[in-house]
């Protein structure tokens, strides 16, 4: 993968973002967490890479999951075993 840490775009007090953060913490995945509400640059970056502004959204190299629940993330990650292996995800 082309980056050291996966990026998780979040919005404060978003319940799906809180759930995603807890999931990644439980998995031991270190993240570059970006609050798109307080940093307009991160919002523009989110829209550029996903085509939308909803959170949580995850980016690791070319693996992008936009506006997901944890179950949706797991389903998409299972289709990319190399990403799971690189991040140490057990899904």
N, C-alpha and C. Protein backbone atom coordinates (compact mmCIF):
# COMPACT_ATOMS: atom_id res chain seq x y z
N UNK A 1 0.84 -1.18 0.00
CA UNK A 1 0.00 0.00 0.00
C UNK A 1 0.89 1.25 0.00
N UNK A 2 0.30 2.33 -0.47
CA UNK A 2 1.09 3.53 -0.68
C UNK A 2 1.15 4.48 0.51
N UNK A 3 0.46 4.19 1.57
CA UNK A 3 0.47 5.11 2.71
C UNK A 3 0.71 4.34 4.00
N UNK A 4 1.24 5.04 4.98
CA UNK A 4 1.57 4.38 6.25
C UNK A 4 0.33 4.03 7.05
N UNK A 5 -0.57 4.97 7.22
CA UNK A 5 -1.77 4.74 8.03
C UNK A 5 -3.02 4.91 7.17
N UNK A 6 -4.04 4.09 7.42
CA UNK A 6 -5.31 4.33 6.75
C UNK A 6 -5.94 5.59 7.29
N UNK A 7 -6.70 6.26 6.44
CA UNK A 7 -7.38 7.49 6.82
C UNK A 7 -8.84 7.15 7.10
N UNK A 8 -9.34 7.64 8.23
CA UNK A 8 -10.75 7.52 8.55
C UNK A 8 -11.31 8.94 8.67
N UNK A 9 -12.20 9.29 7.76
CA UNK A 9 -12.87 10.59 7.79
C UNK A 9 -14.09 10.46 8.70
N UNK A 10 -14.22 11.37 9.65
CA UNK A 10 -15.31 11.31 10.63
C UNK A 10 -15.93 12.67 10.83
N UNK A 11 -17.12 12.63 11.45
CA UNK A 11 -17.80 13.84 11.91
C UNK A 11 -18.06 13.67 13.40
N UNK A 12 -17.82 14.71 14.21
CA UNK A 12 -18.05 14.60 15.65
C UNK A 12 -19.49 14.20 15.95
N UNK A 13 -19.65 13.38 16.95
CA UNK A 13 -20.94 12.94 17.46
C UNK A 13 -21.75 12.12 16.46
N UNK A 14 -21.12 11.63 15.42
CA UNK A 14 -21.77 10.72 14.47
C UNK A 14 -21.72 9.31 15.06
N UNK A 15 -22.87 8.68 15.29
CA UNK A 15 -22.86 7.35 15.92
C UNK A 15 -22.16 6.29 15.09
N UNK A 16 -22.24 6.39 13.76
CA UNK A 16 -21.57 5.41 12.90
C UNK A 16 -20.06 5.61 12.96
N UNK A 17 -19.63 6.86 13.10
CA UNK A 17 -18.19 7.15 13.24
C UNK A 17 -17.67 6.59 14.55
N UNK A 18 -18.45 6.77 15.63
CA UNK A 18 -18.06 6.24 16.94
C UNK A 18 -17.94 4.73 16.87
N UNK A 19 -18.89 4.08 16.21
CA UNK A 19 -18.86 2.63 16.06
C UNK A 19 -17.63 2.19 15.25
N UNK A 20 -17.34 2.92 14.18
CA UNK A 20 -16.18 2.58 13.35
C UNK A 20 -14.88 2.75 14.14
N UNK A 21 -14.76 3.84 14.88
CA UNK A 21 -13.56 4.07 15.69
C UNK A 21 -13.37 2.94 16.71
N UNK A 22 -14.46 2.51 17.34
CA UNK A 22 -14.39 1.41 18.31
C UNK A 22 -13.97 0.11 17.63
N UNK A 23 -14.51 -0.16 16.45
CA UNK A 23 -14.16 -1.36 15.70
C UNK A 23 -12.66 -1.39 15.38
N UNK A 24 -12.14 -0.29 14.83
CA UNK A 24 -10.72 -0.26 14.47
C UNK A 24 -9.83 -0.34 15.71
N UNK A 25 -10.24 0.28 16.80
CA UNK A 25 -9.47 0.19 18.05
C UNK A 25 -9.44 -1.25 18.54
N UNK A 26 -10.58 -1.93 18.50
CA UNK A 26 -10.66 -3.32 18.93
C UNK A 26 -9.79 -4.22 18.04
N UNK A 27 -9.68 -3.86 16.77
CA UNK A 27 -8.86 -4.62 15.83
C UNK A 27 -7.37 -4.26 15.94
N UNK A 28 -7.06 -3.20 16.68
CA UNK A 28 -5.67 -2.76 16.82
C UNK A 28 -5.13 -2.01 15.62
N UNK A 29 -6.04 -1.43 14.81
CA UNK A 29 -5.64 -0.70 13.61
C UNK A 29 -5.41 0.75 13.97
N UNK A 30 -4.21 1.24 13.72
CA UNK A 30 -3.91 2.66 13.93
C UNK A 30 -4.42 3.44 12.73
N UNK A 31 -5.01 4.59 13.00
CA UNK A 31 -5.65 5.39 11.97
C UNK A 31 -5.16 6.83 11.96
N UNK A 32 -5.24 7.44 10.81
CA UNK A 32 -5.12 8.88 10.67
C UNK A 32 -6.56 9.38 10.64
N UNK A 33 -7.08 9.83 11.79
CA UNK A 33 -8.48 10.24 11.91
C UNK A 33 -8.58 11.72 11.51
N UNK A 34 -9.50 11.99 10.58
CA UNK A 34 -9.66 13.35 10.08
C UNK A 34 -11.10 13.82 10.28
N UNK A 35 -11.24 14.88 11.04
CA UNK A 35 -12.54 15.48 11.34
C UNK A 35 -12.89 16.44 10.19
N UNK A 36 -13.87 16.05 9.38
CA UNK A 36 -14.20 16.84 8.20
C UNK A 36 -15.07 18.05 8.51
N UNK A 37 -15.55 18.16 9.74
CA UNK A 37 -16.36 19.31 10.12
C UNK A 37 -15.46 20.48 10.49
N UNK A 38 -14.40 20.22 11.23
CA UNK A 38 -13.53 21.30 11.68
C UNK A 38 -12.42 21.65 10.69
N UNK A 39 -12.16 20.76 9.74
CA UNK A 39 -11.09 21.02 8.76
C UNK A 39 -11.65 20.90 7.35
N UNK A 40 -11.93 22.04 6.73
CA UNK A 40 -12.51 22.07 5.39
C UNK A 40 -11.60 21.38 4.36
N UNK A 41 -10.29 21.46 4.57
CA UNK A 41 -9.36 20.77 3.67
C UNK A 41 -9.65 19.26 3.65
N UNK A 42 -9.90 18.70 4.82
CA UNK A 42 -10.20 17.27 4.89
C UNK A 42 -11.55 16.95 4.24
N UNK A 43 -12.52 17.84 4.36
CA UNK A 43 -13.81 17.64 3.70
C UNK A 43 -13.63 17.64 2.18
N UNK A 44 -12.84 18.58 1.68
CA UNK A 44 -12.59 18.62 0.23
C UNK A 44 -11.88 17.35 -0.23
N UNK A 45 -10.94 16.87 0.57
CA UNK A 45 -10.22 15.64 0.26
C UNK A 45 -11.18 14.44 0.25
N UNK A 46 -12.07 14.37 1.24
CA UNK A 46 -13.06 13.31 1.30
C UNK A 46 -13.93 13.30 0.04
N UNK A 47 -14.42 14.45 -0.35
CA UNK A 47 -15.28 14.54 -1.53
C UNK A 47 -14.49 14.16 -2.79
N UNK A 48 -13.24 14.60 -2.87
CA UNK A 48 -12.43 14.27 -4.04
C UNK A 48 -12.19 12.77 -4.18
N UNK A 49 -11.99 12.07 -3.06
CA UNK A 49 -11.66 10.64 -3.17
C UNK A 49 -12.88 9.74 -3.15
N UNK A 50 -14.03 10.20 -2.63
CA UNK A 50 -15.21 9.33 -2.54
C UNK A 50 -16.39 9.82 -3.37
N UNK A 51 -16.36 11.08 -3.78
CA UNK A 51 -17.48 11.63 -4.53
C UNK A 51 -18.67 12.02 -3.67
N UNK A 52 -18.50 12.01 -2.36
CA UNK A 52 -19.60 12.36 -1.45
C UNK A 52 -19.01 12.91 -0.15
N UNK A 53 -19.90 13.34 0.77
CA UNK A 53 -19.42 13.97 2.01
C UNK A 53 -19.85 13.23 3.26
N UNK A 54 -20.29 11.98 3.13
CA UNK A 54 -20.81 11.24 4.28
C UNK A 54 -19.71 10.48 5.00
N UNK A 55 -19.93 10.29 6.30
CA UNK A 55 -18.96 9.62 7.15
C UNK A 55 -19.64 8.54 7.96
N UNK A 56 -18.86 7.56 8.42
CA UNK A 56 -17.42 7.45 8.25
C UNK A 56 -17.07 7.00 6.84
N UNK A 57 -15.90 7.40 6.42
CA UNK A 57 -15.34 6.94 5.15
C UNK A 57 -13.88 6.59 5.41
N UNK A 58 -13.44 5.52 4.76
CA UNK A 58 -12.13 4.91 5.02
C UNK A 58 -11.35 4.88 3.72
N UNK A 59 -10.06 5.22 3.81
CA UNK A 59 -9.19 5.16 2.63
C UNK A 59 -7.85 4.59 3.02
N UNK A 60 -7.45 3.58 2.28
CA UNK A 60 -6.11 2.99 2.45
C UNK A 60 -5.63 2.62 1.07
N UNK A 61 -4.73 3.43 0.52
CA UNK A 61 -4.31 3.22 -0.86
C UNK A 61 -5.51 3.34 -1.78
N UNK A 62 -5.73 2.32 -2.61
CA UNK A 62 -6.86 2.35 -3.53
C UNK A 62 -8.10 1.68 -2.95
N UNK A 63 -8.04 1.26 -1.69
CA UNK A 63 -9.19 0.65 -1.02
C UNK A 63 -9.96 1.75 -0.30
N UNK A 64 -11.15 2.06 -0.81
CA UNK A 64 -11.97 3.14 -0.27
C UNK A 64 -13.35 2.58 0.04
N UNK A 65 -13.80 2.84 1.26
CA UNK A 65 -15.16 2.47 1.66
C UNK A 65 -15.81 3.75 2.20
N UNK A 66 -16.81 4.22 1.47
CA UNK A 66 -17.47 5.48 1.84
C UNK A 66 -18.78 5.22 2.54
N UNK A 67 -19.06 6.03 3.56
CA UNK A 67 -20.36 6.05 4.24
C UNK A 67 -20.79 4.64 4.61
N UNK A 68 -20.11 4.05 5.59
CA UNK A 68 -20.32 2.64 5.89
C UNK A 68 -20.75 2.39 7.33
N UNK A 69 -21.39 1.25 7.53
CA UNK A 69 -21.57 0.67 8.86
C UNK A 69 -20.41 -0.31 9.03
N UNK A 70 -20.15 -0.76 10.23
CA UNK A 70 -19.06 -1.71 10.45
C UNK A 70 -19.30 -2.99 9.64
N UNK A 71 -20.55 -3.47 9.60
CA UNK A 71 -20.84 -4.68 8.84
C UNK A 71 -20.57 -4.48 7.35
N UNK A 72 -20.91 -3.31 6.82
CA UNK A 72 -20.63 -3.02 5.41
C UNK A 72 -19.12 -2.97 5.17
N UNK A 73 -18.39 -2.37 6.11
CA UNK A 73 -16.93 -2.33 5.97
C UNK A 73 -16.35 -3.73 5.94
N UNK A 74 -16.79 -4.57 6.86
CA UNK A 74 -16.27 -5.94 6.93
C UNK A 74 -16.53 -6.69 5.62
N UNK A 75 -17.72 -6.54 5.08
CA UNK A 75 -18.07 -7.23 3.83
C UNK A 75 -17.16 -6.79 2.69
N UNK A 76 -16.86 -5.51 2.61
CA UNK A 76 -15.98 -5.02 1.55
C UNK A 76 -14.54 -5.41 1.80
N UNK A 77 -14.11 -5.39 3.05
CA UNK A 77 -12.73 -5.76 3.39
C UNK A 77 -12.47 -7.23 3.10
N UNK A 78 -13.46 -8.07 3.29
CA UNK A 78 -13.29 -9.51 3.03
C UNK A 78 -12.97 -9.78 1.57
N UNK A 79 -13.36 -8.86 0.69
CA UNK A 79 -13.07 -9.01 -0.74
C UNK A 79 -11.66 -8.54 -1.10
N UNK A 80 -10.95 -7.97 -0.12
CA UNK A 80 -9.58 -7.47 -0.34
C UNK A 80 -8.66 -8.04 0.73
N UNK A 81 -8.35 -9.36 0.65
CA UNK A 81 -7.53 -9.98 1.69
C UNK A 81 -6.16 -9.34 1.87
N UNK A 82 -5.61 -8.75 0.81
CA UNK A 82 -4.30 -8.09 0.94
C UNK A 82 -4.38 -6.87 1.84
N UNK A 83 -5.51 -6.18 1.83
CA UNK A 83 -5.71 -5.03 2.71
C UNK A 83 -5.85 -5.52 4.14
N UNK A 84 -6.66 -6.57 4.32
CA UNK A 84 -6.84 -7.14 5.68
C UNK A 84 -5.50 -7.56 6.25
N UNK A 85 -4.70 -8.20 5.44
CA UNK A 85 -3.39 -8.68 5.90
C UNK A 85 -2.48 -7.50 6.25
N UNK A 86 -2.44 -6.49 5.39
CA UNK A 86 -1.57 -5.34 5.63
C UNK A 86 -1.94 -4.61 6.92
N UNK A 87 -3.24 -4.55 7.22
CA UNK A 87 -3.70 -3.82 8.39
C UNK A 87 -3.88 -4.70 9.63
N UNK A 88 -3.80 -6.00 9.43
CA UNK A 88 -4.00 -6.92 10.56
C UNK A 88 -5.46 -7.06 10.94
N UNK A 89 -6.36 -6.82 9.97
CA UNK A 89 -7.79 -6.93 10.23
C UNK A 89 -8.22 -8.39 10.29
N UNK A 90 -9.06 -8.69 11.25
CA UNK A 90 -9.67 -10.02 11.36
C UNK A 90 -11.15 -9.83 11.13
N UNK A 91 -11.58 -10.02 9.89
CA UNK A 91 -13.00 -9.83 9.55
C UNK A 91 -13.59 -11.10 8.97
